[in-house]
Amino acid sequence: MLNQSLYQRQQQRLSPLQIQLIRLLELPVQEFNQRVQEELDENPALEENNDDEFSDVASEVVNVDLTTIDSAPDYHIGSSGHSTELNLQSLVPANNLDLQSTLLQQLQLRKLSQREQTLGVFLIGYIDDDGYIRRPLSAISDDLAFTQNLEVTARELGHVLKVIQDFDPAGIGARNLQECLLLQLHAKAREGEDVEVARKMVATAFDDFINKRYDKIKQQLSISDKELKQAFSEVVHLNPKPGGSFSGLNLPSANIIFPDFIVEYKDGVLQQSLTPRNIPSLKVAREYRQMLQQYSVAKNEAEREAVMFARQKVEAAKWFIDAIKQRQLTLVSVMSAIVERQKEVFITGEFNLIKPLILKDISEKTGYDLSTVSRVVSSKYVQTNFGIYSLKDFFSEGMQTESGEEVSTRKIKQILADCITTENKKTPLSDEALMEVLKRKGYIIARRTIAKYREQLGIPIARLRKTI
């Protein structure tokens, strides 16, 4: 027998506007503009507001007065229509011009057979962004056999690779760090520089060089302290990532970081605004508003379908416009809280003045959910008087000193880096010794935390920092 019963339960569902807002919030300015263009292309009831007409639907035009968001007494938020402008000269290249195209150009200038040219093209395709070929030549030989039906030996590939390794930048096409350094030293020797001791050290005592076993190197190469020091100086000035050192002009716009916010310090006041690309002016198309008015009472099936279509598109347009308004208000509110907390950093550009700040602090300050704040901060950038920075750069965990002062971990790392910079390189400080140095400065930090911060700064252990 089937038992039936009634019961009530609460269920929370996101409205279409909330879903639109969530999706828009996590988009940086470039992707946001693409999303706006997609909506303009897909929805004929949505259009750009390019005229100055004042209509009874002014509330549907995205034109948020950002000055109403101001909550801090010593700075104000300006709209994009004010003098604050996007500094295009400060836009940051995200990566270098394509290295492989330059290598292919050099390949064409070499006198090689058609087969060697073909193999050269394939080898260049295996060179990564750092300038290395990580895949073994035997594996590349197998790849060519399977994918191109081309029988070639690893030895033949090695012959062509030697040609590529003679290209600029020096060190390109190396299979490991040792070979990369040797290629660069060979290029310097070809230019007449005396690098023979350095070349021998890298070629025959590379492991001792990496681990700074000075006595073993001197004994093996029969050289003096002065010669050893000169050889080390030669090697440490080489480029371990020759591909990364390549740069060029005419960078494609897709590789440019466009800031989402502008924060400038002018006349003793911090001025904040969204960049103009973050403030599109949109409205519901006049034709669709008129269509709804004209067919307010549909007379036949065709008119009813037209009204239904128009109403759906108009509603979608309104939802999208409202979502953009909410996005602007949310972005400005979160950025205002960050600026208020890190005021000294925005004024001076000194990140050692940064205060402890986590996402939860901004959530409590603005009243937005933690996930909302996270979406705003993610992949967003701000243009300041000192350059363009990721919003994440203004966040840092904190700790208390012996005196009860709250300081950021970023400041602790800076102090740690300064201690290592000024240490005696012949007897560098161990993590235990660094812990004691910071303790004397009032910062009680465990040795394992010192080690973690040191690794995050990319600083090696004491033994590897030792110099002659």
Protein backbone atom coordinates (compact mmCIF):
# COMPACT_ATOMS: atom_id res chain seq x y z
CA MET A 1 0.00 0.00 0.00
CA LEU A 2 1.37 3.40 -1.01
CA ASN A 3 1.78 5.83 1.90
CA GLN A 4 1.49 9.50 0.98
CA SER A 5 2.26 12.44 3.22
CA LEU A 6 2.75 16.20 2.99
CA TYR A 7 5.67 18.08 4.47
CA GLN A 8 7.22 21.55 4.18
CA ARG A 9 10.87 22.42 3.74
CA GLN A 10 12.84 25.56 3.00
CA GLN A 11 15.01 25.66 -0.09
CA GLN A 12 17.28 28.53 -1.11
CA ARG A 13 17.64 29.21 -4.81
CA LEU A 14 19.59 31.88 -6.65
CA SER A 15 17.63 34.35 -8.75
CA PRO A 16 18.64 34.97 -12.39
CA LEU A 17 20.10 38.33 -11.30
CA GLN A 18 22.24 36.67 -8.60
CA ILE A 19 23.51 34.10 -11.08
CA GLN A 20 24.40 36.86 -13.56
CA LEU A 21 26.19 38.81 -10.83
CA ILE A 22 28.25 35.83 -9.65
CA ARG A 23 29.43 35.15 -13.18
CA LEU A 24 30.26 38.81 -13.87
CA LEU A 25 32.08 39.43 -10.58
CA GLU A 26 34.84 36.92 -11.26
CA LEU A 27 35.64 38.35 -14.70
CA PRO A 28 38.64 40.73 -15.07
CA VAL A 29 38.03 43.80 -17.19
CA GLN A 30 39.11 42.26 -20.51
CA GLU A 31 36.84 39.23 -20.16
CA PHE A 32 34.06 41.43 -18.77
CA ASN A 33 34.13 43.54 -21.95
CA GLN A 34 33.97 40.39 -24.05
CA ARG A 35 30.98 39.20 -22.00
CA VAL A 36 29.19 42.54 -22.50
CA GLN A 37 29.81 42.33 -26.25
CA GLU A 38 28.47 38.76 -26.33
CA GLU A 39 25.27 39.89 -24.59
CA LEU A 40 24.91 42.79 -27.04
CA ASP A 41 25.28 40.36 -29.95
CA GLU A 42 22.83 37.80 -28.52
CA ASN A 43 20.08 40.09 -27.17
CA PRO A 44 18.58 42.56 -29.70
CA ALA A 45 16.72 44.30 -26.85
CA LEU A 46 20.03 45.41 -25.33
CA GLU A 47 22.04 48.22 -26.88
CA GLU A 48 24.75 50.73 -26.07
CA ASN A 49 23.59 54.12 -24.85
CA ASN A 50 25.53 56.30 -27.32
CA ASP A 51 23.21 59.32 -27.34
CA ASP A 52 22.39 62.01 -24.82
CA GLU A 53 18.63 61.53 -24.91
CA PHE A 54 16.84 61.65 -21.59
CA SER A 55 13.97 59.20 -21.40
CA ASP A 56 11.59 57.74 -18.87
CA VAL A 57 13.80 54.67 -18.72
CA ALA A 58 16.87 56.45 -17.35
CA SER A 59 16.94 53.93 -14.53
CA GLU A 60 17.76 51.25 -17.09
CA VAL A 61 21.00 52.99 -18.14
CA VAL A 62 24.14 51.85 -16.36
CA ASN A 63 25.51 55.09 -14.96
CA VAL A 64 26.36 54.53 -11.30
CA ASP A 65 27.28 57.56 -9.20
CA LEU A 66 30.37 56.16 -7.53
CA THR A 67 30.75 59.12 -5.19
CA THR A 68 27.85 57.81 -3.11
CA ILE A 69 29.92 54.82 -2.03
CA ASP A 70 32.53 56.90 -0.19
CA SER A 71 32.92 55.83 3.40
CA ALA A 72 36.50 56.91 4.21
CA PRO A 73 36.98 60.51 5.44
CA ASP A 74 40.34 61.20 3.77
CA TYR A 75 39.86 59.98 0.21
CA HIS A 76 37.07 59.98 -2.35
CA ILE A 77 35.92 57.82 -5.21
CA GLY A 78 35.77 59.46 -8.62
CA SER A 79 33.86 58.29 -11.66
CA SER A 80 35.52 57.58 -14.97
CA GLY A 81 34.28 60.88 -16.32
CA HIS A 82 36.67 62.83 -14.10
CA SER A 83 40.30 63.67 -14.77
CA THR A 84 41.48 60.26 -13.61
CA GLU A 85 42.54 58.40 -16.75
CA LEU A 86 43.93 55.00 -17.55
CA ASN A 87 47.70 55.23 -17.97
CA LEU A 88 48.23 53.11 -21.07
CA GLN A 89 52.01 53.51 -20.85
CA SER A 90 52.06 51.57 -17.59
CA LEU A 91 50.29 48.50 -18.98
CA VAL A 92 52.26 45.38 -18.12
CA PRO A 93 53.25 42.72 -20.71
CA ALA A 94 52.07 39.33 -19.43
CA ASN A 95 54.64 37.37 -21.41
CA ASN A 96 57.27 37.69 -24.10
CA LEU A 97 56.92 37.71 -27.84
CA ASP A 98 56.86 34.22 -29.37
CA LEU A 99 60.38 32.83 -29.14
CA GLN A 100 59.82 29.99 -31.57
CA SER A 101 59.01 32.29 -34.50
CA THR A 102 62.37 34.02 -34.03
CA LEU A 103 64.18 30.67 -33.93
CA LEU A 104 62.41 29.59 -37.12
CA GLN A 105 63.62 32.76 -38.83
CA GLN A 106 67.20 31.95 -37.84
CA LEU A 107 66.74 28.37 -39.06
CA GLN A 108 65.79 29.59 -42.54
CA LEU A 109 69.06 31.53 -42.78
CA ARG A 110 71.18 28.40 -42.31
CA LYS A 111 72.40 26.35 -45.27
CA LEU A 112 70.64 23.07 -44.49
CA SER A 113 69.06 20.35 -46.58
CA GLN A 114 65.29 20.16 -46.86
CA ARG A 115 65.28 17.20 -44.46
CA GLU A 116 67.41 19.07 -41.92
CA GLN A 117 65.14 22.10 -42.18
CA THR A 118 62.14 19.85 -41.50
CA LEU A 119 63.80 18.27 -38.47
CA GLY A 120 64.82 21.72 -37.24
CA VAL A 121 61.22 22.91 -37.35
CA PHE A 122 60.09 19.93 -35.27
CA LEU A 123 62.89 20.39 -32.72
CA ILE A 124 62.09 24.09 -32.29
CA GLY A 125 58.51 23.05 -31.61
CA TYR A 126 59.74 21.11 -28.58
CA ILE A 127 61.56 24.11 -27.05
CA ASP A 128 59.70 25.39 -23.97
CA ASP A 129 59.31 28.97 -22.72
CA ASP A 130 62.55 28.72 -20.69
CA GLY A 131 64.48 27.78 -23.83
CA TYR A 132 65.02 24.08 -23.03
CA ILE A 133 64.25 20.85 -24.89
CA ARG A 134 63.07 18.61 -22.06
CA ARG A 135 62.03 15.63 -24.17
CA PRO A 136 64.78 13.07 -24.96
CA LEU A 137 65.86 12.94 -28.60
CA SER A 138 65.03 9.21 -28.72
CA ALA A 139 61.43 10.03 -27.70
CA ILE A 140 61.24 12.81 -30.32
CA SER A 141 62.46 10.26 -32.88
CA ASP A 142 59.56 7.98 -31.90
CA ASP A 143 57.14 10.92 -32.12
CA LEU A 144 58.23 11.65 -35.68
CA ALA A 145 57.84 8.00 -36.65
CA PHE A 146 54.31 7.76 -35.25
CA THR A 147 52.91 11.16 -36.18
CA GLN A 148 54.80 12.02 -39.40
CA ASN A 149 55.85 8.58 -40.64
CA LEU A 150 59.39 9.96 -40.68
CA GLU A 151 62.25 7.60 -39.83
CA VAL A 152 65.04 9.50 -38.11
CA THR A 153 67.70 8.53 -35.56
CA ALA A 154 68.47 10.34 -32.32
CA ARG A 155 71.97 10.93 -33.67
CA GLU A 156 70.61 12.75 -36.72
CA LEU A 157 68.38 14.86 -34.49
CA GLY A 158 71.40 15.65 -32.33
CA HIS A 159 73.26 16.98 -35.38
CA VAL A 160 70.40 19.39 -36.18
CA LEU A 161 70.04 20.33 -32.51
CA LYS A 162 73.67 21.50 -32.47
CA VAL A 163 72.79 23.92 -35.25
CA ILE A 164 69.86 25.28 -33.23
CA GLN A 165 72.03 25.59 -30.11
CA ASP A 166 74.16 28.06 -32.07
CA PHE A 167 71.17 30.43 -32.38
CA ASP A 168 70.47 33.52 -30.29
CA PRO A 169 69.88 33.81 -27.42
CA ALA A 170 72.92 31.85 -26.25
CA GLY A 171 72.00 28.69 -24.35
CA ILE A 172 68.86 28.01 -26.36
CA GLY A 173 67.94 24.37 -27.04
CA ALA A 174 69.83 23.00 -24.03
CA ARG A 175 68.62 19.76 -22.48
CA ASN A 176 69.65 20.61 -18.93
CA LEU A 177 71.16 23.45 -16.91
CA GLN A 178 74.74 22.22 -17.31
CA GLU A 179 74.48 22.18 -21.09
CA CYS A 180 72.77 25.59 -21.05
CA LEU A 181 75.67 27.16 -19.12
CA LEU A 182 78.28 25.46 -21.31
CA LEU A 183 76.62 26.78 -24.47
CA GLN A 184 76.74 30.31 -23.10
CA LEU A 185 80.37 29.98 -22.03
CA HIS A 186 81.22 28.64 -25.48
CA ALA A 187 79.56 31.70 -27.05
CA LYS A 188 81.61 34.00 -24.81
CA ALA A 189 84.86 32.19 -25.66
CA ARG A 190 84.03 32.61 -29.34
CA GLU A 191 83.86 36.37 -28.73
CA GLY A 192 87.38 36.31 -27.32
CA GLU A 193 86.60 36.31 -23.59
CA ASP A 194 88.77 34.23 -21.24
CA VAL A 195 86.28 31.80 -19.69
CA GLU A 196 88.28 28.56 -19.89
CA VAL A 197 88.41 27.96 -16.11
CA ALA A 198 84.67 28.56 -15.81
CA ARG A 199 84.02 26.17 -18.71
CA LYS A 200 86.17 23.43 -17.12
CA MET A 201 84.43 23.91 -13.78
CA VAL A 202 80.95 23.54 -15.28
CA ALA A 203 82.01 20.66 -17.53
CA THR A 204 83.93 18.53 -15.01
CA ALA A 205 82.91 19.70 -11.53
CA PHE A 206 79.28 20.74 -11.98
CA ASP A 207 77.96 18.90 -8.92
CA ASP A 208 80.64 20.51 -6.73
CA PHE A 209 79.83 23.89 -8.29
CA ILE A 210 76.11 23.54 -7.51
CA ASN A 211 76.85 22.59 -3.90
CA LYS A 212 79.67 25.14 -3.53
CA ARG A 213 82.36 22.66 -2.56
CA TYR A 214 85.18 25.13 -3.10
CA ASP A 215 88.06 23.02 -1.85
CA LYS A 216 87.15 20.10 -4.12
CA ILE A 217 86.92 22.37 -7.17
CA LYS A 218 90.32 23.97 -6.47
CA GLN A 219 91.91 20.57 -5.96
CA GLN A 220 90.38 19.02 -9.08
CA LEU A 221 91.17 21.96 -11.38
CA SER A 222 94.45 22.96 -9.64
CA ILE A 223 93.46 26.62 -9.45
CA SER A 224 93.94 29.43 -6.92
CA ASP A 225 91.29 31.18 -4.83
CA LYS A 226 91.41 34.15 -7.23
CA GLU A 227 90.87 31.96 -10.28
CA LEU A 228 88.01 30.15 -8.54
CA LYS A 229 86.35 33.42 -7.63
CA GLN A 230 86.64 34.72 -11.20
CA ALA A 231 85.20 31.46 -12.58
CA PHE A 232 82.24 31.65 -10.18
CA SER A 233 81.63 35.26 -11.17
CA GLU A 234 81.50 34.27 -14.85
CA VAL A 235 78.97 31.50 -14.27
CA VAL A 236 76.61 33.29 -11.89
CA HIS A 237 76.17 36.06 -14.46
CA LEU A 238 74.91 33.62 -17.09
CA ASN A 239 71.20 33.21 -17.80
CA PRO A 240 69.71 29.90 -16.59
CA LYS A 241 66.53 30.57 -18.61
CA PRO A 242 67.59 31.89 -22.02
CA GLY A 243 64.07 31.63 -23.41
CA GLY A 244 62.70 33.80 -20.63
CA SER A 245 65.27 36.51 -21.34
CA PHE A 246 63.99 36.98 -24.89
CA SER A 247 61.75 40.00 -25.31
CA GLY A 248 60.46 41.94 -28.27
CA LEU A 249 58.23 44.76 -29.40
CA ASN A 250 54.79 44.66 -31.00
CA LEU A 251 53.24 42.63 -28.21
CA PRO A 252 49.72 41.46 -29.00
CA SER A 253 46.98 43.16 -27.02
CA ALA A 254 45.88 39.80 -25.58
CA ASN A 255 49.12 39.73 -23.60
CA ILE A 256 48.50 43.08 -21.91
CA ILE A 257 47.18 43.36 -18.37
CA PHE A 258 44.47 46.02 -18.17
CA PRO A 259 43.77 47.30 -14.65
CA ASP A 260 40.24 47.12 -13.26
CA PHE A 261 40.72 50.04 -10.84
CA ILE A 262 42.65 53.30 -10.69
CA VAL A 263 43.89 54.62 -7.34
CA GLU A 264 45.88 57.86 -7.49
CA TYR A 265 47.29 60.11 -4.78
CA LYS A 266 46.71 63.74 -5.77
CA ASP A 267 46.90 66.89 -3.65
CA GLY A 268 46.96 64.89 -0.42
CA VAL A 269 43.89 62.86 -1.34
CA LEU A 270 43.52 59.27 -2.54
CA GLN A 271 41.23 59.18 -5.57
CA GLN A 272 39.69 55.86 -6.57
CA SER A 273 37.67 54.89 -9.63
CA LEU A 274 36.79 52.00 -11.87
CA THR A 275 38.56 52.08 -15.22
CA PRO A 276 36.33 53.31 -18.08
CA ARG A 277 36.18 49.83 -19.59
CA ASN A 278 34.45 48.68 -16.41
CA ILE A 279 31.58 51.14 -16.86
CA PRO A 280 29.68 50.32 -20.06
CA SER A 281 26.60 52.41 -20.76
CA LEU A 282 23.72 50.13 -21.75
CA LYS A 283 19.98 50.49 -22.13
CA VAL A 284 16.91 48.62 -23.31
CA ALA A 285 16.38 49.25 -27.05
CA ARG A 286 13.66 51.81 -27.83
CA GLU A 287 12.11 49.57 -30.50
CA TYR A 288 11.44 46.80 -27.97
CA ARG A 289 9.94 49.20 -25.43
CA GLN A 290 7.65 50.56 -28.13
CA MET A 291 6.74 47.05 -29.22
CA LEU A 292 5.53 46.20 -25.72
CA GLN A 293 3.50 49.41 -25.58
CA GLN A 294 2.07 48.95 -29.08
CA TYR A 295 0.94 45.38 -28.47
CA SER A 296 -0.20 45.84 -24.88
CA VAL A 297 -3.42 44.10 -25.92
CA ALA A 298 -2.52 41.37 -28.42
CA LYS A 299 -5.22 40.79 -31.06
CA ASN A 300 -4.02 37.54 -32.59
CA GLU A 301 -1.59 34.66 -32.13
CA ALA A 302 1.21 36.33 -34.10
CA GLU A 303 1.01 39.45 -31.93
CA ARG A 304 0.99 37.35 -28.74
CA GLU A 305 4.14 35.55 -29.87
CA ALA A 306 5.79 38.85 -30.73
CA VAL A 307 4.91 40.27 -27.31
CA MET A 308 6.19 37.16 -25.55
CA PHE A 309 9.48 37.29 -27.48
CA ALA A 310 9.91 41.02 -26.81
CA ARG A 311 9.10 40.64 -23.12
CA GLN A 312 11.66 37.83 -22.69
CA LYS A 313 14.39 39.85 -24.36
CA VAL A 314 13.57 43.01 -22.42
CA GLU A 315 13.57 41.14 -19.12
CA ALA A 316 16.92 39.56 -20.00
CA ALA A 317 18.32 42.99 -20.86
CA LYS A 318 17.08 44.46 -17.57
CA TRP A 319 18.58 41.56 -15.60
CA PHE A 320 21.92 42.05 -17.33
CA ILE A 321 21.92 45.82 -16.76
CA ASP A 322 21.02 45.39 -13.09
CA ALA A 323 23.76 42.75 -12.70
CA ILE A 324 26.33 45.20 -14.11
CA LYS A 325 25.12 47.89 -11.69
CA GLN A 326 25.53 45.49 -8.79
CA ARG A 327 28.95 44.44 -10.09
CA GLN A 328 30.12 48.06 -10.15
CA LEU A 329 28.83 48.74 -6.63
CA THR A 330 30.45 45.55 -5.31
CA LEU A 331 33.79 46.22 -6.98
CA VAL A 332 33.93 49.78 -5.67
CA SER A 333 32.91 48.77 -2.14
CA VAL A 334 35.55 46.04 -1.90
CA MET A 335 38.27 48.25 -3.41
CA SER A 336 37.35 51.06 -1.00
CA ALA A 337 37.86 48.72 1.96
CA ILE A 338 41.26 47.63 0.62
CA VAL A 339 42.39 51.23 0.04
CA GLU A 340 41.22 52.28 3.50
CA ARG A 341 43.19 49.46 5.14
CA GLN A 342 46.35 49.83 3.01
CA LYS A 343 46.28 53.62 2.72
CA GLU A 344 50.01 54.06 3.41
CA VAL A 345 50.97 51.61 0.66
CA PHE A 346 48.88 53.44 -1.95
CA ILE A 347 50.35 56.78 -0.86
CA THR A 348 54.03 55.78 -0.69
CA GLY A 349 54.30 52.64 -2.85
CA GLU A 350 56.23 50.97 0.01
CA PHE A 351 54.91 47.44 0.48
CA ASN A 352 56.88 47.01 3.69
CA LEU A 353 54.20 49.30 5.20
CA ILE A 354 51.45 46.82 4.36
CA LYS A 355 49.11 45.94 7.21
CA PRO A 356 47.73 42.47 7.94
CA LEU A 357 44.69 41.90 5.75
CA ILE A 358 42.75 38.77 4.81
CA LEU A 359 39.58 38.21 2.79
CA LYS A 360 37.57 37.81 5.98
CA ASP A 361 38.45 41.38 7.04
CA ILE A 362 37.05 42.79 3.80
CA SER A 363 33.98 40.56 4.13
CA GLU A 364 33.26 41.93 7.60
CA LYS A 365 33.93 45.52 6.51
CA THR A 366 31.69 45.45 3.42
CA GLY A 367 29.06 42.95 4.56
CA TYR A 368 29.61 40.82 1.46
CA ASP A 369 29.96 37.06 1.64
CA LEU A 370 33.52 35.69 1.72
CA SER A 371 33.03 34.01 -1.67
CA THR A 372 31.92 37.34 -3.16
CA VAL A 373 35.04 39.11 -1.92
CA SER A 374 37.17 36.27 -3.27
CA ARG A 375 35.58 36.65 -6.71
CA VAL A 376 36.25 40.39 -6.71
CA VAL A 377 39.91 40.00 -5.71
CA SER A 378 40.67 37.13 -8.08
CA SER A 379 42.39 38.14 -11.35
CA LYS A 380 41.82 41.87 -10.75
CA TYR A 381 44.46 44.60 -11.01
CA VAL A 382 44.78 48.20 -9.82
CA GLN A 383 46.75 51.04 -11.39
CA THR A 384 48.55 53.22 -8.84
CA ASN A 385 51.07 56.07 -8.95
CA PHE A 386 53.78 53.42 -8.68
CA GLY A 387 52.64 50.82 -11.22
CA ILE A 388 50.02 48.13 -11.74
CA TYR A 389 49.50 45.52 -9.02
CA SER A 390 47.29 42.51 -8.45
CA LEU A 391 44.72 43.04 -5.70
CA LYS A 392 46.16 39.93 -4.04
CA ASP A 393 49.38 41.90 -3.45
CA PHE A 394 47.56 43.98 -0.83
CA PHE A 395 46.62 40.97 1.29
CA SER A 396 48.92 39.56 3.95
CA GLU A 397 48.50 37.47 7.07
CA GLY A 398 49.65 38.97 10.34
CA MET A 399 51.29 38.26 13.68
CA GLN A 400 51.97 40.12 16.92
CA THR A 401 55.37 41.24 18.17
CA GLU A 402 56.48 40.99 21.80
CA SER A 403 55.19 44.54 22.32
CA GLY A 404 51.74 43.57 21.00
CA GLU A 405 52.14 45.40 17.68
CA GLU A 406 50.38 43.71 14.78
CA VAL A 407 52.60 43.32 11.70
CA SER A 408 52.10 41.58 8.36
CA THR A 409 53.99 38.48 7.31
CA ARG A 410 55.10 40.45 4.24
CA LYS A 411 56.99 42.83 6.53
CA ILE A 412 58.52 39.88 8.39
CA LYS A 413 59.71 38.45 5.07
CA GLN A 414 61.24 41.79 4.15
CA ILE A 415 63.13 41.93 7.45
CA LEU A 416 64.27 38.35 6.89
CA ALA A 417 65.47 39.19 3.38
CA ASP A 418 67.34 42.24 4.69
CA CYS A 419 69.09 40.11 7.33
CA ILE A 420 70.24 37.65 4.66
CA THR A 421 71.33 40.47 2.32
CA THR A 422 73.59 42.00 4.97
CA GLU A 423 74.98 38.72 6.35
CA ASN A 424 78.64 37.71 6.01
CA LYS A 425 78.55 35.55 2.88
CA LYS A 426 81.58 33.58 4.05
CA THR A 427 79.61 32.47 7.12
CA PRO A 428 75.92 32.83 6.16
CA LEU A 429 73.23 32.63 8.82
CA SER A 430 71.44 29.33 9.38
CA ASP A 431 67.67 29.26 9.93
CA GLU A 432 68.36 28.84 13.65
CA ALA A 433 70.59 31.94 13.65
CA LEU A 434 68.01 33.91 11.67
CA MET A 435 65.39 32.94 14.23
CA GLU A 436 67.57 34.42 16.98
CA VAL A 437 68.18 37.62 14.98
CA LEU A 438 64.44 38.16 14.51
CA LYS A 439 63.83 37.34 18.16
CA ARG A 440 66.20 40.15 19.17
CA LYS A 441 64.18 42.47 16.92
CA GLY A 442 60.99 41.48 18.79
CA TYR A 443 59.62 38.90 16.34
CA ILE A 444 59.07 35.48 17.92
CA ILE A 445 59.01 33.04 15.00
CA ALA A 446 59.64 29.29 14.96
CA ARG A 447 62.60 27.96 12.96
CA ARG A 448 60.33 25.99 10.62
CA THR A 449 58.42 29.21 9.87
CA ILE A 450 61.71 30.94 9.09
CA ALA A 451 62.50 28.12 6.67
CA LYS A 452 59.05 28.44 5.05
CA TYR A 453 59.40 32.21 4.58
CA ARG A 454 62.94 31.80 3.21
CA GLU A 455 61.72 29.25 0.64
CA GLN A 456 58.82 31.50 -0.34
CA LEU A 457 61.36 34.28 -0.98
CA GLY A 458 63.37 31.92 -3.18
CA ILE A 459 66.42 32.12 -0.90
CA PRO A 460 68.52 28.93 -0.61
CA ILE A 461 69.81 27.40 2.63
CA ALA A 462 72.90 28.82 4.31
CA ARG A 463 75.30 26.29 2.76
CA LEU A 464 74.29 27.31 -0.75
CA ARG A 465 74.58 31.03 0.05
CA LYS A 466 78.21 30.67 1.04
CA THR A 467 80.74 32.46 -1.14
CA ILE A 468 84.51 32.46 -1.32
